[in-house]
Amino acid sequence: MSPETETRRRRMPTMRDIAVHVGVSRQLVSLVLRGAPGPSAESRDRILAAAEDLGYRPNASARLLRQRRTHLIGVLFAMRNPFEVRFVEQLESRAAALGYGLVLGARSEGRSDDAVIEQLMAQRVEALIAFNPDPGAAGLADAVEQIPVVWMGERASIAGVDNVRVDEDRGLRLAIDHLVESGHRDIAYAGGRGGVVGRDRAEVYRTAMQGAGLGSHVNVLVSDFDEESGAAIARQLAHLPAATRPTAVICCGDLHATAVLATFAQLGVRVPEDISVVGFDDSYVAALSYNRLTSIRQDVDVTAAAAMARVVERLDGGATEPVEVLTTTALTVRASSGASPR
């Protein structure tokens, strides 16, 4: 390899570098790399070989600036949520099959929804898919004014967006029916905090308990979705006398439920012999051999397909009116639920 080539490899090579290397004009290089008609077969072969030798890669950002469409979809999600991470994996393959790419924006304690959405919009995304976004975020309001927005995870709090979320009513009814069939009556729910989805799931639990004739047994243990909140609920339950302790607890999410399982194990509370535990999401952590958690299943494939369908219908299908899509739920029964001890 020549010293000239070695020098160029230390930086990103350009079309001008290819032109100098081959001894042709930059315009001819551009025609070949764009696949445009005109250049001879010999010129095309020489230029493509030089591009390969120099390690040339097209500048995607510059190409997008020249195009009217970017075919990019922004995604706002939480890296610590296993369901949302799995959703992104599924969405990426579905988007690629339809000619779209994803621009990912992970929220964190140090990055507000406004900051993430602003970053996504700067990438010229054509649509935004957002999990449980802050309804008061100015960036979200700006996005709704400019591009299609699909609100995921919870009931949408603002108008003008598509809403894809799980059918929580059916999911919690299935969990309660399963526990009732196993002899449980004192079925508690751990949750209620964490935005709209937290409040909604607690309310759906109350309604499902009343529908099962267990209105007098409603017991909401107020909690957030995170693991430490699950551990705190487990300690609270473990210190109750066995005769007054709920015989089953439905947790607001799988991470919360797995923290309940781990804390019960530390404190000597047997699952399911002393108390049954049910999660929500049926993410991969529920199926792990040391958890074997019964969980309300959100189908990640169906959810990704529904979200992508809304984006395509808005961008390519001419749809203008936002719609609400409720994805189906099921109950995956594993070893963490069993017969009531009472």
Protein backbone atom coordinates (compact mmCIF):
# COMPACT_ATOMS: atom_id res chain seq x y z
CA MET A 1 0.00 0.00 0.00
CA SER A 2 1.43 3.41 -1.00
CA PRO A 3 2.27 6.11 1.61
CA GLU A 4 -0.40 8.27 -0.04
CA THR A 5 -3.05 5.62 0.55
CA GLU A 6 -1.85 5.05 4.12
CA THR A 7 -2.15 8.77 4.87
CA ARG A 8 -5.70 8.89 3.55
CA ARG A 9 -6.73 5.93 5.68
CA ARG A 10 -5.99 7.98 8.80
CA ARG A 11 -8.99 10.19 8.04
CA MET A 12 -12.37 9.61 6.39
CA PRO A 13 -11.69 9.51 2.61
CA THR A 14 -13.78 11.68 0.31
CA MET A 15 -14.85 11.55 -3.33
CA ARG A 16 -12.05 14.02 -4.06
CA ASP A 17 -9.53 11.51 -2.67
CA ILE A 18 -10.92 8.85 -4.99
CA ALA A 19 -10.71 11.24 -7.96
CA VAL A 20 -7.05 12.06 -7.21
CA HIS A 21 -6.24 8.38 -6.68
CA VAL A 22 -7.72 7.33 -10.03
CA GLY A 23 -6.85 10.51 -11.95
CA VAL A 24 -10.39 11.48 -12.94
CA SER A 25 -12.77 14.31 -12.11
CA ARG A 26 -14.76 14.45 -8.90
CA GLN A 27 -17.95 14.73 -10.98
CA LEU A 28 -17.19 11.36 -12.62
CA VAL A 29 -16.63 9.79 -9.19
CA SER A 30 -19.96 11.18 -8.01
CA LEU A 31 -21.79 9.70 -11.02
CA VAL A 32 -20.30 6.25 -10.39
CA LEU A 33 -20.98 6.21 -6.67
CA ARG A 34 -24.57 7.32 -7.24
CA GLY A 35 -25.07 4.62 -9.86
CA ALA A 36 -25.97 7.25 -12.45
CA PRO A 37 -25.76 6.45 -16.17
CA GLY A 38 -22.90 7.80 -18.31
CA PRO A 39 -19.54 6.49 -17.04
CA SER A 40 -17.90 3.66 -18.99
CA ALA A 41 -17.60 0.19 -17.54
CA GLU A 42 -13.83 0.64 -17.25
CA SER A 43 -14.16 3.93 -15.33
CA ARG A 44 -16.82 2.44 -13.09
CA ASP A 45 -14.62 -0.56 -12.21
CA ARG A 46 -11.56 1.60 -11.50
CA ILE A 47 -13.46 4.05 -9.32
CA LEU A 48 -15.26 1.35 -7.32
CA ALA A 49 -11.97 -0.47 -6.78
CA ALA A 50 -10.34 2.75 -5.56
CA ALA A 51 -13.24 3.44 -3.21
CA GLU A 52 -12.83 -0.04 -1.74
CA ASP A 53 -9.06 0.36 -1.44
CA LEU A 54 -9.34 3.73 0.31
CA GLY A 55 -12.13 2.57 2.63
CA TYR A 56 -14.59 5.16 1.36
CA ARG A 57 -18.00 5.29 3.05
CA PRO A 58 -20.80 7.61 1.86
CA ASN A 59 -21.62 10.52 4.17
CA ALA A 60 -25.13 9.66 5.32
CA SER A 61 -25.72 13.07 6.91
CA ALA A 62 -24.79 14.93 3.75
CA ARG A 63 -26.96 12.60 1.67
CA LEU A 64 -29.95 13.20 3.95
CA LEU A 65 -29.54 16.96 3.65
CA ARG A 66 -29.93 16.63 -0.12
CA GLN A 67 -33.09 14.58 0.17
CA ARG A 68 -36.61 15.76 0.88
CA ARG A 69 -37.27 12.66 3.02
CA THR A 70 -35.03 10.99 5.57
CA HIS A 71 -37.07 7.83 6.28
CA LEU A 72 -35.94 8.10 9.90
CA ILE A 73 -38.12 7.40 12.94
CA GLY A 74 -37.22 8.77 16.35
CA VAL A 75 -37.76 6.54 19.39
CA LEU A 76 -37.95 7.82 22.98
CA PHE A 77 -37.55 4.95 25.46
CA ALA A 78 -35.95 3.86 28.74
CA MET A 79 -32.84 1.67 28.56
CA ARG A 80 -33.60 0.13 31.96
CA ASN A 81 -37.01 -1.13 30.91
CA PRO A 82 -36.58 -4.63 29.42
CA PHE A 83 -39.87 -4.50 27.51
CA GLU A 84 -39.00 -1.19 25.87
CA VAL A 85 -35.50 -2.40 24.92
CA ARG A 86 -36.96 -5.55 23.37
CA PHE A 87 -39.53 -3.39 21.55
CA VAL A 88 -36.74 -1.31 20.01
CA GLU A 89 -35.01 -4.48 18.80
CA GLN A 90 -38.18 -5.67 17.11
CA LEU A 91 -39.02 -2.25 15.72
CA GLU A 92 -35.59 -1.89 14.14
CA SER A 93 -35.97 -5.03 12.02
CA ARG A 94 -39.54 -4.13 11.02
CA ALA A 95 -38.51 -0.59 10.09
CA ALA A 96 -35.55 -1.81 8.01
CA ALA A 97 -37.78 -4.17 6.06
CA LEU A 98 -39.93 -1.18 5.11
CA GLY A 99 -37.02 1.08 4.19
CA TYR A 100 -36.91 3.08 7.43
CA GLY A 101 -34.16 3.62 9.98
CA LEU A 102 -34.33 4.42 13.68
CA VAL A 103 -32.77 7.26 15.65
CA LEU A 104 -32.73 6.23 19.31
CA GLY A 105 -33.20 8.61 22.22
CA ALA A 106 -32.77 7.05 25.65
CA ARG A 107 -34.19 9.00 28.57
CA SER A 108 -32.36 9.03 31.90
CA GLU A 109 -32.31 10.95 35.15
CA GLY A 110 -29.89 13.40 33.59
CA ARG A 111 -31.70 13.81 30.26
CA SER A 112 -35.20 15.23 30.16
CA ASP A 113 -37.75 14.29 27.52
CA ASP A 114 -37.35 17.80 26.10
CA ALA A 115 -33.63 17.28 25.57
CA VAL A 116 -34.09 13.85 24.00
CA ILE A 117 -36.89 14.94 21.66
CA GLU A 118 -34.92 18.03 20.61
CA GLN A 119 -32.00 15.78 19.68
CA LEU A 120 -34.27 13.47 17.70
CA MET A 121 -35.92 16.33 15.84
CA ALA A 122 -32.48 17.71 14.93
CA GLN A 123 -31.86 14.44 13.08
CA ARG A 124 -34.86 15.26 10.84
CA VAL A 125 -36.93 12.29 11.95
CA GLU A 126 -40.18 11.93 10.06
CA ALA A 127 -42.13 10.44 12.98
CA LEU A 128 -41.70 9.97 16.72
CA ILE A 129 -42.51 6.87 18.77
CA ALA A 130 -42.43 7.75 22.47
CA PHE A 131 -42.87 5.58 25.56
CA ASN A 132 -44.74 7.37 28.35
CA PRO A 133 -43.50 10.85 27.40
CA ASP A 134 -43.84 13.86 29.67
CA PRO A 135 -47.13 15.44 28.51
CA GLY A 136 -45.88 18.87 29.59
CA ALA A 137 -42.66 18.72 27.57
CA ALA A 138 -42.44 21.64 25.15
CA GLY A 139 -40.45 19.50 22.74
CA LEU A 140 -43.28 16.98 22.59
CA ALA A 141 -45.80 19.71 21.75
CA ASP A 142 -43.51 20.96 18.98
CA ALA A 143 -43.14 17.43 17.59
CA VAL A 144 -46.91 16.89 17.51
CA GLU A 145 -47.23 20.11 15.48
CA GLN A 146 -44.70 18.92 12.90
CA ILE A 147 -44.69 15.12 12.57
CA PRO A 148 -46.81 12.05 13.41
CA VAL A 149 -46.35 10.96 17.02
CA VAL A 150 -47.16 7.49 18.39
CA TRP A 151 -47.63 7.52 22.17
CA MET A 152 -46.71 4.15 23.65
CA GLY A 153 -47.15 2.37 26.97
CA GLU A 154 -49.90 4.39 28.60
CA ARG A 155 -53.11 6.20 27.72
CA ALA A 156 -52.20 9.35 25.77
CA SER A 157 -52.58 12.55 27.76
CA ILE A 158 -52.75 14.96 24.81
CA ALA A 159 -54.70 15.14 21.57
CA GLY A 160 -53.36 14.67 18.06
CA VAL A 161 -51.28 11.53 18.64
CA ASP A 162 -51.74 7.87 17.84
CA ASN A 163 -51.89 5.74 20.98
CA VAL A 164 -50.62 2.13 21.08
CA ARG A 165 -50.95 0.48 24.47
CA VAL A 166 -51.70 -2.85 26.07
CA ASP A 167 -55.24 -3.89 26.95
CA GLU A 168 -54.64 -3.60 30.71
CA ASP A 169 -58.27 -4.36 31.58
CA ARG A 170 -58.09 -7.81 30.03
CA GLY A 171 -54.61 -8.50 31.39
CA LEU A 172 -55.48 -7.75 35.01
CA ARG A 173 -58.77 -9.63 34.73
CA LEU A 174 -56.87 -12.70 33.52
CA ALA A 175 -54.44 -12.45 36.46
CA ILE A 176 -57.22 -12.06 39.01
CA ASP A 177 -59.27 -14.88 37.48
CA HIS A 178 -56.21 -17.15 37.63
CA LEU A 179 -55.63 -16.34 41.30
CA VAL A 180 -59.32 -16.71 42.21
CA GLU A 181 -59.37 -20.14 40.55
CA SER A 182 -56.43 -21.04 42.79
CA GLY A 183 -58.44 -20.11 45.88
CA HIS A 184 -57.17 -16.57 46.49
CA ARG A 185 -59.38 -13.79 47.78
CA ASP A 186 -56.94 -11.42 49.48
CA ILE A 187 -55.24 -10.24 46.28
CA ALA A 188 -53.23 -7.03 46.62
CA TYR A 189 -51.86 -4.77 43.89
CA ALA A 190 -48.48 -3.03 44.20
CA GLY A 191 -48.32 0.13 42.10
CA GLY A 192 -50.30 3.31 41.54
CA ARG A 193 -47.41 5.70 41.02
CA GLY A 194 -45.35 6.42 37.92
CA GLY A 195 -47.46 8.69 35.74
CA VAL A 196 -50.66 7.88 33.89
CA VAL A 197 -49.85 4.20 33.44
CA GLY A 198 -49.31 3.78 37.19
CA ARG A 199 -52.65 5.33 38.08
CA ASP A 200 -54.50 3.53 35.29
CA ARG A 201 -53.30 0.07 36.23
CA ALA A 202 -54.26 0.57 39.87
CA GLU A 203 -57.72 1.69 38.83
CA VAL A 204 -58.12 -1.23 36.43
CA TYR A 205 -57.15 -3.58 39.30
CA ARG A 206 -59.91 -2.09 41.47
CA THR A 207 -62.46 -2.54 38.69
CA ALA A 208 -61.35 -6.12 38.02
CA MET A 209 -61.56 -7.02 41.71
CA GLN A 210 -65.08 -5.62 41.91
CA GLY A 211 -66.01 -7.55 38.77
CA ALA A 212 -64.78 -10.73 40.47
CA GLY A 213 -66.98 -10.01 43.50
CA LEU A 214 -63.96 -9.07 45.61
CA GLY A 215 -64.57 -5.35 46.05
CA SER A 216 -64.18 -5.63 49.81
CA HIS A 217 -60.71 -7.16 49.33
CA VAL A 218 -59.28 -4.33 47.23
CA ASN A 219 -55.82 -3.49 48.58
CA VAL A 220 -53.54 -1.10 46.66
CA LEU A 221 -50.01 -0.99 48.05
CA VAL A 222 -48.85 2.37 46.72
CA SER A 223 -45.54 1.97 44.91
CA ASP A 224 -43.42 3.10 41.98
CA PHE A 225 -42.25 0.80 39.18
CA ASP A 226 -38.58 0.48 40.19
CA GLU A 227 -36.82 -2.39 41.93
CA GLU A 228 -36.24 -0.64 45.26
CA SER A 229 -39.95 0.13 45.47
CA GLY A 230 -40.62 -3.59 44.94
CA ALA A 231 -38.19 -4.47 47.72
CA ALA A 232 -39.91 -2.01 50.05
CA ILE A 233 -43.31 -3.58 49.32
CA ALA A 234 -41.91 -7.06 49.99
CA ARG A 235 -40.55 -5.96 53.38
CA GLN A 236 -43.89 -4.38 54.22
CA LEU A 237 -45.73 -7.62 53.41
CA ALA A 238 -43.18 -9.87 55.09
CA HIS A 239 -43.60 -8.12 58.43
CA LEU A 240 -47.37 -8.60 58.48
CA PRO A 241 -48.77 -11.54 60.47
CA ALA A 242 -49.37 -14.45 58.13
CA ALA A 243 -53.07 -14.48 59.02
CA THR A 244 -53.54 -10.87 57.77
CA ARG A 245 -51.06 -10.87 54.90
CA PRO A 246 -52.47 -10.91 51.33
CA THR A 247 -52.16 -14.35 49.80
CA ALA A 248 -51.22 -12.91 46.42
CA VAL A 249 -49.74 -9.68 45.08
CA ILE A 250 -49.89 -8.42 41.51
CA CYS A 251 -46.99 -6.10 40.75
CA CYS A 252 -47.06 -3.14 38.37
CA GLY A 253 -44.08 -4.44 36.37
CA ASP A 254 -41.68 -7.35 36.04
CA LEU A 255 -38.66 -5.55 37.53
CA HIS A 256 -40.77 -4.60 40.52
CA ALA A 257 -41.97 -8.21 40.87
CA THR A 258 -38.49 -9.73 40.64
CA ALA A 259 -37.37 -7.41 43.44
CA VAL A 260 -40.32 -8.68 45.48
CA LEU A 261 -39.21 -12.28 44.82
CA ALA A 262 -35.60 -11.59 45.83
CA THR A 263 -36.58 -9.76 49.02
CA PHE A 264 -39.04 -12.48 50.03
CA ALA A 265 -36.24 -15.03 49.59
CA GLN A 266 -34.00 -13.01 51.91
CA LEU A 267 -36.72 -12.76 54.54
CA GLY A 268 -37.81 -16.39 54.42
CA VAL A 269 -41.22 -15.80 52.81
CA ARG A 270 -41.92 -18.73 50.50
CA VAL A 271 -43.27 -18.16 46.99
CA PRO A 272 -45.86 -19.42 46.17
CA GLU A 273 -46.47 -21.45 49.37
CA ASP A 274 -46.88 -18.34 51.57
CA ILE A 275 -47.79 -15.79 48.91
CA SER A 276 -48.17 -15.80 45.12
CA VAL A 277 -46.49 -13.11 43.02
CA VAL A 278 -47.57 -11.94 39.56
CA GLY A 279 -45.69 -9.50 37.32
CA PHE A 280 -46.67 -7.33 34.37
CA ASP A 281 -45.01 -7.36 30.90
CA ASP A 282 -43.74 -10.96 30.73
CA SER A 283 -40.33 -9.62 29.74
CA TYR A 284 -37.28 -11.86 29.54
CA VAL A 285 -36.55 -11.38 33.28
CA ALA A 286 -39.82 -13.14 34.12
CA ALA A 287 -38.75 -16.29 32.29
CA LEU A 288 -35.29 -16.54 33.87
CA SER A 289 -34.82 -19.87 35.64
CA TYR A 290 -34.28 -18.26 39.04
CA ASN A 291 -37.42 -16.09 38.76
CA ARG A 292 -40.03 -18.24 36.96
CA LEU A 293 -42.45 -15.37 37.39
CA THR A 294 -46.11 -15.60 36.44
CA SER A 295 -46.71 -12.45 34.43
CA ILE A 296 -49.28 -10.58 32.35
CA ARG A 297 -47.89 -10.76 28.84
CA GLN A 298 -47.53 -7.78 26.53
CA ASP A 299 -46.70 -9.17 23.10
CA VAL A 300 -43.66 -7.19 21.98
CA ASP A 301 -43.95 -8.36 18.36
CA VAL A 302 -47.57 -7.26 18.12
CA THR A 303 -46.76 -3.95 19.80
CA ALA A 304 -43.87 -3.20 17.43
CA ALA A 305 -46.01 -4.14 14.42
CA ALA A 306 -48.85 -1.88 15.58
CA ALA A 307 -46.54 1.08 16.16
CA MET A 308 -44.83 0.66 12.80
CA ALA A 309 -48.18 0.30 11.06
CA ARG A 310 -49.34 3.64 12.46
CA VAL A 311 -46.16 5.35 11.28
CA VAL A 312 -46.42 3.92 7.76
CA GLU A 313 -50.13 4.72 7.50
CA ARG A 314 -49.42 8.32 8.48
CA LEU A 315 -46.34 8.85 6.31
CA ASP A 316 -47.13 6.72 3.27
CA GLY A 317 -50.81 5.82 3.50
CA GLY A 318 -52.30 9.29 3.77
CA ALA A 319 -53.93 8.70 7.17
CA THR A 320 -54.54 11.96 9.04
CA GLU A 321 -56.70 11.06 12.04
CA PRO A 322 -54.98 9.64 15.14
CA VAL A 323 -56.28 6.32 16.45
CA GLU A 324 -55.99 4.25 19.61
CA VAL A 325 -54.75 0.65 19.31
CA LEU A 326 -55.11 -1.77 22.23
CA THR A 327 -52.79 -4.76 21.88
CA THR A 328 -53.91 -8.13 23.20
CA THR A 329 -52.72 -9.61 26.48
CA ALA A 330 -52.35 -13.10 27.88
CA LEU A 331 -51.24 -14.60 31.17
CA THR A 332 -48.08 -16.68 31.29
CA VAL A 333 -48.29 -18.93 34.35
CA ARG A 334 -45.05 -20.01 35.98
CA ALA A 335 -43.89 -21.18 39.40
CA SER A 336 -44.45 -17.92 41.33
CA SER A 337 -48.21 -18.44 41.60
CA GLY A 338 -50.03 -21.34 43.21
CA ALA A 339 -52.81 -22.31 45.57
CA SER A 340 -53.84 -19.94 48.35
CA PRO A 341 -52.39 -20.86 51.76
CA ARG A 342 -55.78 -20.03 53.30
